[in-house]
Amino acid sequence: MISPLGQRQILQTLAAETVRQAMEGGAQVQREQARKRAFDAKLAEAMEDVAEVAETESMKLSERQRQGGQQESATGASADEAEVEESPAEGAGPHLDLLA
């Protein structure tokens, strides 16, 4: 039979072990939250880069269209010729590498 002193020691040990496990669980949750925040920050940064690339490409496209319009009026080229000159080669369209 377990003496009252032995029972008390068992309960104290269990209480200490419970507290230790709770602290470890809390630390693990904090690590996971920090990992998630870091991932979200990297994702937001990547999305900003993608938006900047898209904005730059649209600016380049509008500049090409303006220059194409100026060249057409200056050279007297027809609209069909301008489209043929400005169209990219097949498969040479914009490429976005999200893993870069």
PDB file of N, CA and C in Angstrom:
ATOM      1  N   MET A   1       0.835  -1.174   0.000  1.00  0.00           N
ATOM      2  CA  MET A   1       0.000   0.000   0.000  1.00  0.00           C
ATOM      3  C   MET A   1       0.883   1.241   0.000  1.00  0.00           C
ATOM      4  N   ILE A   2       0.380   2.287  -0.655  1.00  0.00           N
ATOM      5  CA  ILE A   2       1.150   3.522  -0.774  1.00  0.00           C
ATOM      6  C   ILE A   2       0.921   4.370   0.472  1.00  0.00           C
ATOM      7  N   SER A   3       2.018   4.821   1.040  1.00  0.00           N
ATOM      8  CA  SER A   3       1.919   5.670   2.229  1.00  0.00           C
ATOM      9  C   SER A   3       1.458   7.068   1.807  1.00  0.00           C
ATOM     10  N   PRO A   4       0.933   7.839   2.749  1.00  0.00           N
ATOM     11  CA  PRO A   4       0.510   9.208   2.422  1.00  0.00           C
ATOM     12  C   PRO A   4       1.669  10.060   1.884  1.00  0.00           C
ATOM     13  N   LEU A   5       2.852   9.835   2.404  1.00  0.00           N
ATOM     14  CA  LEU A   5       4.011  10.589   1.914  1.00  0.00           C
ATOM     15  C   LEU A   5       4.325  10.194   0.467  1.00  0.00           C
ATOM     16  N   GLY A   6       4.261   8.908   0.156  1.00  0.00           N
ATOM     17  CA  GLY A   6       4.501   8.435  -1.219  1.00  0.00           C
ATOM     18  C   GLY A   6       3.450   8.964  -2.183  1.00  0.00           C
ATOM     19  N   GLN A   7       2.197   8.979  -1.714  1.00  0.00           N
ATOM     20  CA  GLN A   7       1.118   9.491  -2.551  1.00  0.00           C
ATOM     21  C   GLN A   7       1.325  10.983  -2.839  1.00  0.00           C
ATOM     22  N   ARG A   8       1.744  11.708  -1.818  1.00  0.00           N
ATOM     23  CA  ARG A   8       1.998  13.143  -1.976  1.00  0.00           C
ATOM     24  C   ARG A   8       3.129  13.374  -2.988  1.00  0.00           C
ATOM     25  N   GLN A   9       4.180  12.591  -2.907  1.00  0.00           N
ATOM     26  CA  GLN A   9       5.302  12.729  -3.840  1.00  0.00           C
ATOM     27  C   GLN A   9       4.867  12.411  -5.275  1.00  0.00           C
ATOM     28  N   ILE A  10       4.034  11.399  -5.422  1.00  0.00           N
ATOM     29  CA  ILE A  10       3.529  11.036  -6.752  1.00  0.00           C
ATOM     30  C   ILE A  10       2.707  12.188  -7.330  1.00  0.00           C
ATOM     31  N   LEU A  11       1.821  12.759  -6.527  1.00  0.00           N
ATOM     32  CA  LEU A  11       0.988  13.870  -6.993  1.00  0.00           C
ATOM     33  C   LEU A  11       1.831  15.096  -7.347  1.00  0.00           C
ATOM     34  N   GLN A  12       2.847  15.381  -6.548  1.00  0.00           N
ATOM     35  CA  GLN A  12       3.720  16.517  -6.836  1.00  0.00           C
ATOM     36  C   GLN A  12       4.497  16.287  -8.133  1.00  0.00           C
ATOM     37  N   THR A  13       4.955  15.047  -8.316  1.00  0.00           N
ATOM     38  CA  THR A  13       5.684  14.722  -9.545  1.00  0.00           C
ATOM     39  C   THR A  13       4.772  14.862 -10.761  1.00  0.00           C
ATOM     40  N   LEU A  14       3.542  14.369 -10.637  1.00  0.00           N
ATOM     41  CA  LEU A  14       2.585  14.492 -11.737  1.00  0.00           C
ATOM     42  C   LEU A  14       2.270  15.954 -12.044  1.00  0.00           C
ATOM     43  N   ALA A  15       2.112  16.757 -11.001  1.00  0.00           N
ATOM     44  CA  ALA A  15       1.827  18.184 -11.200  1.00  0.00           C
ATOM     45  C   ALA A  15       2.997  18.870 -11.901  1.00  0.00           C
ATOM     46  N   ALA A  16       4.209  18.555 -11.466  1.00  0.00           N
ATOM     47  CA  ALA A  16       5.395  19.158 -12.090  1.00  0.00           C
ATOM     48  C   ALA A  16       5.513  18.717 -13.553  1.00  0.00           C
ATOM     49  N   GLU A  17       5.239  17.445 -13.821  1.00  0.00           N
ATOM     50  CA  GLU A  17       5.303  16.937 -15.196  1.00  0.00           C
ATOM     51  C   GLU A  17       4.229  17.593 -16.071  1.00  0.00           C
ATOM     52  N   THR A  18       3.058  17.798 -15.523  1.00  0.00           N
ATOM     53  CA  THR A  18       1.980  18.460 -16.260  1.00  0.00           C
ATOM     54  C   THR A  18       2.364  19.889 -16.617  1.00  0.00           C
ATOM     55  N   VAL A  19       2.946  20.596 -15.670  1.00  0.00           N
ATOM     56  CA  VAL A  19       3.388  21.971 -15.924  1.00  0.00           C
ATOM     57  C   VAL A  19       4.477  21.985 -16.998  1.00  0.00           C
ATOM     58  N   ARG A  20       5.416  21.057 -16.911  1.00  0.00           N
ATOM     59  CA  ARG A  20       6.500  20.996 -17.899  1.00  0.00           C
ATOM     60  C   ARG A  20       5.945  20.751 -19.296  1.00  0.00           C
ATOM     61  N   GLN A  21       5.013  19.810 -19.413  1.00  0.00           N
ATOM     62  CA  GLN A  21       4.419  19.510 -20.711  1.00  0.00           C
ATOM     63  C   GLN A  21       3.616  20.695 -21.247  1.00  0.00           C
ATOM     64  N   ALA A  22       2.922  21.386 -20.360  1.00  0.00           N
ATOM     65  CA  ALA A  22       2.164  22.564 -20.785  1.00  0.00           C
ATOM     66  C   ALA A  22       3.102  23.653 -21.302  1.00  0.00           C
ATOM     67  N   MET A  23       4.232  23.840 -20.628  1.00  0.00           N
ATOM     68  CA  MET A  23       5.200  24.845 -21.067  1.00  0.00           C
ATOM     69  C   MET A  23       5.809  24.456 -22.415  1.00  0.00           C
ATOM     70  N   GLU A  24       6.114  23.181 -22.596  1.00  0.00           N
ATOM     71  CA  GLU A  24       6.648  22.713 -23.878  1.00  0.00           C
ATOM     72  C   GLU A  24       5.626  22.916 -24.992  1.00  0.00           C
ATOM     73  N   GLY A  25       4.363  22.623 -24.688  1.00  0.00           N
ATOM     74  CA  GLY A  25       3.296  22.827 -25.675  1.00  0.00           C
ATOM     75  C   GLY A  25       3.159  24.294 -26.045  1.00  0.00           C
ATOM     76  N   GLY A  26       3.239  25.167 -25.042  1.00  0.00           N
ATOM     77  CA  GLY A  26       3.173  26.608 -25.310  1.00  0.00           C
ATOM     78  C   GLY A  26       4.336  27.084 -26.159  1.00  0.00           C
ATOM     79  N   ALA A  27       5.516  26.567 -25.872  1.00  0.00           N
ATOM     80  CA  ALA A  27       6.698  26.943 -26.657  1.00  0.00           C
ATOM     81  C   ALA A  27       6.562  26.452 -28.097  1.00  0.00           C
ATOM     82  N   GLN A  28       6.013  25.260 -28.268  1.00  0.00           N
ATOM     83  CA  GLN A  28       5.829  24.732 -29.620  1.00  0.00           C
ATOM     84  C   GLN A  28       4.819  25.583 -30.391  1.00  0.00           C
ATOM     85  N   VAL A  29       3.752  25.989 -29.740  1.00  0.00           N
ATOM     86  CA  VAL A  29       2.759  26.852 -30.384  1.00  0.00           C
ATOM     87  C   VAL A  29       3.399  28.174 -30.794  1.00  0.00           C
ATOM     88  N   GLN A  30       4.226  28.740 -29.928  1.00  0.00           N
ATOM     89  CA  GLN A  30       4.903  29.997 -30.251  1.00  0.00           C
ATOM     90  C   GLN A  30       5.842  29.820 -31.446  1.00  0.00           C
ATOM     91  N   ARG A  31       6.556  28.695 -31.501  1.00  0.00           N
ATOM     92  CA  ARG A  31       7.446  28.446 -32.645  1.00  0.00           C
ATOM     93  C   ARG A  31       6.649  28.337 -33.942  1.00  0.00           C
ATOM     94  N   GLU A  32       5.529  27.634 -33.884  1.00  0.00           N
ATOM     95  CA  GLU A  32       4.688  27.492 -35.076  1.00  0.00           C
ATOM     96  C   GLU A  32       4.135  28.846 -35.516  1.00  0.00           C
ATOM     97  N   GLN A  33       3.725  29.677 -34.566  1.00  0.00           N
ATOM     98  CA  GLN A  33       3.226  31.008 -34.908  1.00  0.00           C
ATOM     99  C   GLN A  33       4.328  31.861 -35.531  1.00  0.00           C
ATOM    100  N   ALA A  34       5.527  31.781 -34.995  1.00  0.00           N
ATOM    101  CA  ALA A  34       6.656  32.537 -35.553  1.00  0.00           C
ATOM    102  C   ALA A  34       6.969  32.045 -36.963  1.00  0.00           C
ATOM    103  N   ARG A  35       6.929  30.733 -37.164  1.00  0.00           N
ATOM    104  CA  ARG A  35       7.161  30.169 -38.494  1.00  0.00           C
ATOM    105  C   ARG A  35       6.106  30.656 -39.483  1.00  0.00           C
ATOM    106  N   LYS A  36       4.854  30.688 -39.040  1.00  0.00           N
ATOM    107  CA  LYS A  36       3.757  31.137 -39.902  1.00  0.00           C
ATOM    108  C   LYS A  36       3.910  32.617 -40.235  1.00  0.00           C
ATOM    109  N   ARG A  37       4.282  33.434 -39.241  1.00  0.00           N
ATOM    110  CA  ARG A  37       4.484  34.868 -39.501  1.00  0.00           C
ATOM    111  C   ARG A  37       5.619  35.078 -40.492  1.00  0.00           C
ATOM    112  N   ALA A  38       6.697  34.320 -40.356  1.00  0.00           N
ATOM    113  CA  ALA A  38       7.827  34.442 -41.279  1.00  0.00           C
ATOM    114  C   ALA A  38       7.405  34.036 -42.691  1.00  0.00           C
ATOM    115  N   PHE A  39       6.638  32.959 -42.798  1.00  0.00           N
ATOM    116  CA  PHE A  39       6.156  32.526 -44.107  1.00  0.00           C
ATOM    117  C   PHE A  39       5.242  33.576 -44.716  1.00  0.00           C
ATOM    118  N   ASP A  40       4.326  34.134 -43.914  1.00  0.00           N
ATOM    119  CA  ASP A  40       3.422  35.169 -44.411  1.00  0.00           C
ATOM    120  C   ASP A  40       4.188  36.405 -44.864  1.00  0.00           C
ATOM    121  N   ALA A  41       5.237  36.765 -44.129  1.00  0.00           N
ATOM    122  CA  ALA A  41       6.048  37.926 -44.508  1.00  0.00           C
ATOM    123  C   ALA A  41       6.758  37.671 -45.838  1.00  0.00           C
ATOM    124  N   LYS A  42       7.312  36.475 -46.006  1.00  0.00           N
ATOM    125  CA  LYS A  42       7.976  36.137 -47.271  1.00  0.00           C
ATOM    126  C   LYS A  42       6.975  36.117 -48.418  1.00  0.00           C
ATOM    127  N   LEU A  43       5.789  35.583 -48.156  1.00  0.00           N
ATOM    128  CA  LEU A  43       4.757  35.531 -49.184  1.00  0.00           C
ATOM    129  C   LEU A  43       4.324  36.933 -49.581  1.00  0.00           C
ATOM    130  N   ALA A  44       4.140  37.811 -48.603  1.00  0.00           N
ATOM    131  CA  ALA A  44       3.756  39.191 -48.902  1.00  0.00           C
ATOM    132  C   ALA A  44       4.841  39.888 -49.712  1.00  0.00           C
ATOM    133  N   GLU A  45       6.093  39.644 -49.361  1.00  0.00           N
ATOM    134  CA  GLU A  45       7.209  40.244 -50.101  1.00  0.00           C
ATOM    135  C   GLU A  45       7.233  39.734 -51.541  1.00  0.00           C
ATOM    136  N   ALA A  46       6.999  38.451 -51.710  1.00  0.00           N
ATOM    137  CA  ALA A  46       6.976  37.879 -53.060  1.00  0.00           C
ATOM    138  C   ALA A  46       5.814  38.444 -53.869  1.00  0.00           C
ATOM    139  N   MET A  47       4.669  38.619 -53.230  1.00  0.00           N
ATOM    140  CA  MET A  47       3.516  39.180 -53.925  1.00  0.00           C
ATOM    141  C   MET A  47       3.780  40.623 -54.334  1.00  0.00           C
ATOM    142  N   GLU A  48       4.488  41.383 -53.507  1.00  0.00           N
ATOM    143  CA  GLU A  48       4.848  42.754 -53.866  1.00  0.00           C
ATOM    144  C   GLU A  48       5.766  42.748 -55.076  1.00  0.00           C
ATOM    145  N   ASP A  49       6.723  41.824 -55.102  1.00  0.00           N
ATOM    146  CA  ASP A  49       7.629  41.725 -56.246  1.00  0.00           C
ATOM    147  C   ASP A  49       6.859  41.397 -57.515  1.00  0.00           C
ATOM    148  N   VAL A  50       5.901  40.484 -57.406  1.00  0.00           N
ATOM    149  CA  VAL A  50       5.095  40.109 -58.569  1.00  0.00           C
ATOM    150  C   VAL A  50       4.286  41.304 -59.046  1.00  0.00           C
ATOM    151  N   ALA A  51       3.710  42.061 -58.118  1.00  0.00           N
ATOM    152  CA  ALA A  51       2.938  43.244 -58.494  1.00  0.00           C
ATOM    153  C   ALA A  51       3.835  44.270 -59.175  1.00  0.00           C
ATOM    154  N   GLU A  52       5.055  44.436 -58.675  1.00  0.00           N
ATOM    155  CA  GLU A  52       5.989  45.378 -59.289  1.00  0.00           C
ATOM    156  C   GLU A  52       6.349  44.931 -60.697  1.00  0.00           C
ATOM    157  N   VAL A  53       6.559  43.642 -60.893  1.00  0.00           N
ATOM    158  CA  VAL A  53       6.886  43.128 -62.224  1.00  0.00           C
ATOM    159  C   VAL A  53       5.713  43.359 -63.168  1.00  0.00           C
ATOM    160  N   ALA A  54       4.497  43.058 -62.714  1.00  0.00           N
ATOM    161  CA  ALA A  54       3.321  43.252 -63.556  1.00  0.00           C
ATOM    162  C   ALA A  54       3.156  44.728 -63.908  1.00  0.00           C
ATOM    163  N   GLU A  55       3.375  45.599 -62.933  1.00  0.00           N
ATOM    164  CA  GLU A  55       3.261  47.038 -63.177  1.00  0.00           C
ATOM    165  C   GLU A  55       4.319  47.488 -64.178  1.00  0.00           C
ATOM    166  N   THR A  56       5.533  47.010 -64.030  1.00  0.00           N
ATOM    167  CA  THR A  56       6.612  47.364 -64.957  1.00  0.00           C
ATOM    168  C   THR A  56       6.291  46.872 -66.360  1.00  0.00           C
ATOM    169  N   GLU A  57       5.795  45.649 -66.464  1.00  0.00           N
ATOM    170  CA  GLU A  57       5.448  45.105 -67.777  1.00  0.00           C
ATOM    171  C   GLU A  57       4.333  45.911 -68.423  1.00  0.00           C
ATOM    172  N   SER A  58       3.325  46.317 -67.649  1.00  0.00           N
ATOM    173  CA  SER A  58       2.245  47.114 -68.229  1.00  0.00           C
ATOM    174  C   SER A  58       2.757  48.478 -68.668  1.00  0.00           C
ATOM    175  N   MET A  59       3.704  49.045 -67.913  1.00  0.00           N
ATOM    176  CA  MET A  59       4.292  50.320 -68.318  1.00  0.00           C
ATOM    177  C   MET A  59       5.076  50.150 -69.615  1.00  0.00           C
ATOM    178  N   LYS A  60       5.833  49.066 -69.729  1.00  0.00           N
ATOM    179  CA  LYS A  60       6.592  48.807 -70.954  1.00  0.00           C
ATOM    180  C   LYS A  60       5.648  48.619 -72.137  1.00  0.00           C
ATOM    181  N   LEU A  61       4.552  47.895 -71.924  1.00  0.00           N
ATOM    182  CA  LEU A  61       3.592  47.649 -72.989  1.00  0.00           C
ATOM    183  C   LEU A  61       2.962  48.951 -73.455  1.00  0.00           C
ATOM    184  N   SER A  62       2.553  49.799 -72.513  1.00  0.00           N
ATOM    185  CA  SER A  62       1.948  51.075 -72.906  1.00  0.00           C
ATOM    186  C   SER A  62       2.963  51.954 -73.624  1.00  0.00           C
ATOM    187  N   GLU A  63       4.219  51.906 -73.199  1.00  0.00           N
ATOM    188  CA  GLU A  63       5.268  52.677 -73.876  1.00  0.00           C
ATOM    189  C   GLU A  63       5.472  52.151 -75.299  1.00  0.00           C
ATOM    190  N   ARG A  64       5.471  50.839 -75.464  1.00  0.00           N
ATOM    191  CA  ARG A  64       5.610  50.258 -76.807  1.00  0.00           C
ATOM    192  C   ARG A  64       4.444  50.668 -77.690  1.00  0.00           C
ATOM    193  N   GLN A  65       3.245  50.660 -77.114  1.00  0.00           N
ATOM    194  CA  GLN A  65       2.072  51.041 -77.895  1.00  0.00           C
ATOM    195  C   GLN A  65       2.163  52.501 -78.315  1.00  0.00           C
ATOM    196  N   ARG A  66       2.618  53.363 -77.411  1.00  0.00           N
ATOM    197  CA  ARG A  66       2.786  54.777 -77.764  1.00  0.00           C
ATOM    198  C   ARG A  66       3.835  54.935 -78.852  1.00  0.00           C
ATOM    199  N   GLN A  67       4.961  54.248 -78.689  1.00  0.00           N
ATOM    200  CA  GLN A  67       6.022  54.342 -79.691  1.00  0.00           C
ATOM    201  C   GLN A  67       5.553  53.760 -81.018  1.00  0.00           C
ATOM    202  N   GLY A  68       4.799  52.677 -80.965  1.00  0.00           N
ATOM    203  CA  GLY A  68       4.268  52.076 -82.186  1.00  0.00           C
ATOM    204  C   GLY A  68       3.330  53.035 -82.894  1.00  0.00           C
ATOM    205  N   GLY A  69       2.506  53.740 -82.141  1.00  0.00           N
ATOM    206  CA  GLY A  69       1.605  54.729 -82.724  1.00  0.00           C
ATOM    207  C   GLY A  69       2.370  55.881 -83.341  1.00  0.00           C
ATOM    208  N   GLN A  70       3.431  56.304 -82.687  1.00  0.00           N
ATOM    209  CA  GLN A  70       4.246  57.396 -83.223  1.00  0.00           C
ATOM    210  C   GLN A  70       4.972  56.937 -84.477  1.00  0.00           C
ATOM    211  N   GLN A  71       5.506  55.733 -84.470  1.00  0.00           N
ATOM    212  CA  GLN A  71       6.219  55.221 -85.642  1.00  0.00           C
ATOM    213  C   GLN A  71       5.262  55.042 -86.811  1.00  0.00           C
ATOM    214  N   GLU A  72       4.053  54.577 -86.525  1.00  0.00           N
ATOM    215  CA  GLU A  72       3.073  54.361 -87.583  1.00  0.00           C
ATOM    216  C   GLU A  72       2.718  55.676 -88.250  1.00  0.00           C
ATOM    217  N   SER A  73       2.499  56.706 -87.452  1.00  0.00           N
ATOM    218  CA  SER A  73       2.154  57.999 -88.039  1.00  0.00           C
ATOM    219  C   SER A  73       3.355  58.610 -88.752  1.00  0.00           C
ATOM    220  N   ALA A  74       4.546  58.354 -88.261  1.00  0.00           N
ATOM    221  CA  ALA A  74       5.742  58.925 -88.882  1.00  0.00           C
ATOM    222  C   ALA A  74       6.107  58.194 -90.167  1.00  0.00           C
ATOM    223  N   THR A  75       5.952  56.873 -90.196  1.00  0.00           N
ATOM    224  CA  THR A  75       6.355  56.106 -91.373  1.00  0.00           C
ATOM    225  C   THR A  75       5.200  55.841 -92.316  1.00  0.00           C
ATOM    226  N   GLY A  76       3.977  56.035 -91.865  1.00  0.00           N
ATOM    227  CA  GLY A  76       2.824  55.786 -92.716  1.00  0.00           C
ATOM    228  C   GLY A  76       2.504  54.310 -92.830  1.00  0.00           C
ATOM    229  N   ALA A  77       2.955  53.490 -91.917  1.00  0.00           N
ATOM    230  CA  ALA A  77       2.707  52.050 -91.952  1.00  0.00           C
ATOM    231  C   ALA A  77       1.252  51.777 -91.607  1.00  0.00           C
ATOM    232  N   SER A  78       0.721  50.722 -92.161  1.00  0.00           N
ATOM    233  CA  SER A  78      -0.665  50.368 -91.882  1.00  0.00           C
ATOM    234  C   SER A  78      -0.759  49.674 -90.525  1.00  0.00           C
ATOM    235  N   ALA A  79      -1.972  49.530 -90.026  1.00  0.00           N
ATOM    236  CA  ALA A  79      -2.188  48.899 -88.722  1.00  0.00           C
ATOM    237  C   ALA A  79      -1.795  47.427 -88.758  1.00  0.00           C
ATOM    238  N   ASP A  80      -2.010  46.747 -89.887  1.00  0.00           N
ATOM    239  CA  ASP A  80      -1.644  45.332 -90.000  1.00  0.00           C
ATOM    240  C   ASP A  80      -0.146  45.136 -89.872  1.00  0.00           C
ATOM    241  N   GLU A  81       0.623  45.983 -90.502  1.00  0.00           N
ATOM    242  CA  GLU A  81       2.075  45.865 -90.426  1.00  0.00           C
ATOM    243  C   GLU A  81       2.564  46.116 -89.005  1.00  0.00           C
ATOM    244  N   ALA A  82       1.943  47.068 -88.317  1.00  0.00           N
ATOM    245  CA  ALA A  82       2.346  47.381 -86.943  1.00  0.00           C
ATOM    246  C   ALA A  82       2.078  46.190 -86.028  1.00  0.00           C
ATOM    247  N   GLU A  83       0.936  45.517 -86.238  1.00  0.00           N
ATOM    248  CA  GLU A  83       0.614  44.362 -85.402  1.00  0.00           C
ATOM    249  C   GLU A  83       1.601  43.228 -85.638  1.00  0.00           C
ATOM    250  N   VAL A  84       1.986  43.014 -86.864  1.00  0.00           N
ATOM    251  CA  VAL A  84       2.918  41.941 -87.183  1.00  0.00           C
ATOM    252  C   VAL A  84       4.268  42.225 -86.558  1.00  0.00           C
ATOM    253  N   GLU A  85       4.698  43.474 -86.581  1.00  0.00           N
ATOM    254  CA  GLU A  85       5.997  43.822 -86.026  1.00  0.00           C
ATOM    255  C   GLU A  85       6.013  43.725 -84.501  1.00  0.00           C
ATOM    256  N   GLU A  86       4.903  44.065 -83.853  1.00  0.00           N
ATOM    257  CA  GLU A  86       4.875  44.114 -82.392  1.00  0.00           C
ATOM    258  C   GLU A  86       4.552  42.772 -81.751  1.00  0.00           C
ATOM    259  N   SER A  87       3.959  41.846 -82.491  1.00  0.00           N
ATOM    260  CA  SER A  87       3.570  40.581 -81.875  1.00  0.00           C
ATOM    261  C   SER A  87       4.816  39.751 -81.575  1.00  0.00           C
ATOM    262  N   PRO A  88       4.905  39.204 -80.350  1.00  0.00           N
ATOM    263  CA  PRO A  88       6.076  38.396 -80.000  1.00  0.00           C
ATOM    264  C   PRO A  88       6.026  37.056 -80.716  1.00  0.00           C
ATOM    265  N   ALA A  89       7.157  36.423 -80.790  1.00  0.00           N
ATOM    266  CA  ALA A  89       7.229  35.102 -81.403  1.00  0.00           C
ATOM    267  C   ALA A  89       6.391  34.124 -80.593  1.00  0.00           C
ATOM    268  N   GLU A  90       5.931  33.091 -81.236  1.00  0.00           N
ATOM    269  CA  GLU A  90       5.097  32.112 -80.553  1.00  0.00           C
ATOM    270  C   GLU A  90       5.865  31.478 -79.397  1.00  0.00           C
ATOM    271  N   GLY A  91       5.245  31.456 -78.224  1.00  0.00           N
ATOM    272  CA  GLY A  91       5.894  30.891 -77.046  1.00  0.00           C
ATOM    273  C   GLY A  91       6.805  31.876 -76.330  1.00  0.00           C
ATOM    274  N   ALA A  92       6.925  33.093 -76.862  1.00  0.00           N
ATOM    275  CA  ALA A  92       7.806  34.080 -76.237  1.00  0.00           C
ATOM    276  C   ALA A  92       7.001  35.081 -75.427  1.00  0.00           C
ATOM    277  N   GLY A  93       5.793  34.718 -75.037  1.00  0.00           N
ATOM    278  CA  GLY A  93       4.954  35.604 -74.244  1.00  0.00           C
ATOM    279  C   GLY A  93       5.543  35.811 -72.866  1.00  0.00           C
ATOM    280  N   PRO A  94       4.897  36.641 -72.056  1.00  0.00           N
ATOM    281  CA  PRO A  94       5.438  36.902 -70.715  1.00  0.00           C
ATOM    282  C   PRO A  94       5.471  35.622 -69.887  1.00  0.00           C
ATOM    283  N   HIS A  95       6.539  35.470 -69.152  1.00  0.00           N
ATOM    284  CA  HIS A  95       6.733  34.278 -68.323  1.00  0.00           C
ATOM    285  C   HIS A  95       6.989  34.737 -66.900  1.00  0.00           C
ATOM    286  N   LEU A  96       6.249  34.182 -65.973  1.00  0.00           N
ATOM    287  CA  LEU A  96       6.383  34.566 -64.575  1.00  0.00           C
ATOM    288  C   LEU A  96       6.807  33.343 -63.780  1.00  0.00           C
ATOM    289  N   ASP A  97       7.990  33.404 -63.198  1.00  0.00           N
ATOM    290  CA  ASP A  97       8.509  32.292 -62.414  1.00  0.00           C
ATOM    291  C   ASP A  97       8.309  32.615 -60.941  1.00  0.00           C
ATOM    292  N   LEU A  98       7.302  32.009 -60.321  1.00  0.00           N
ATOM    293  CA  LEU A  98       6.984  32.305 -58.927  1.00  0.00           C
ATOM    294  C   LEU A  98       7.985  31.697 -57.958  1.00  0.00           C
ATOM    295  N   LEU A  99       8.767  30.750 -58.398  1.00  0.00           N
ATOM    296  CA  LEU A  99       9.712  30.100 -57.505  1.00  0.00           C
ATOM    297  C   LEU A  99      11.049  30.818 -57.452  1.00  0.00           C
ATOM    298  N   ALA A 100      11.228  31.811 -58.312  1.00  0.00           N
ATOM    299  CA  ALA A 100      12.519  32.517 -58.351  1.00  0.00           C
ATOM    300  C   ALA A 100      12.705  33.381 -57.137  1.00  0.00           C
TER     301      ALA A 100
END
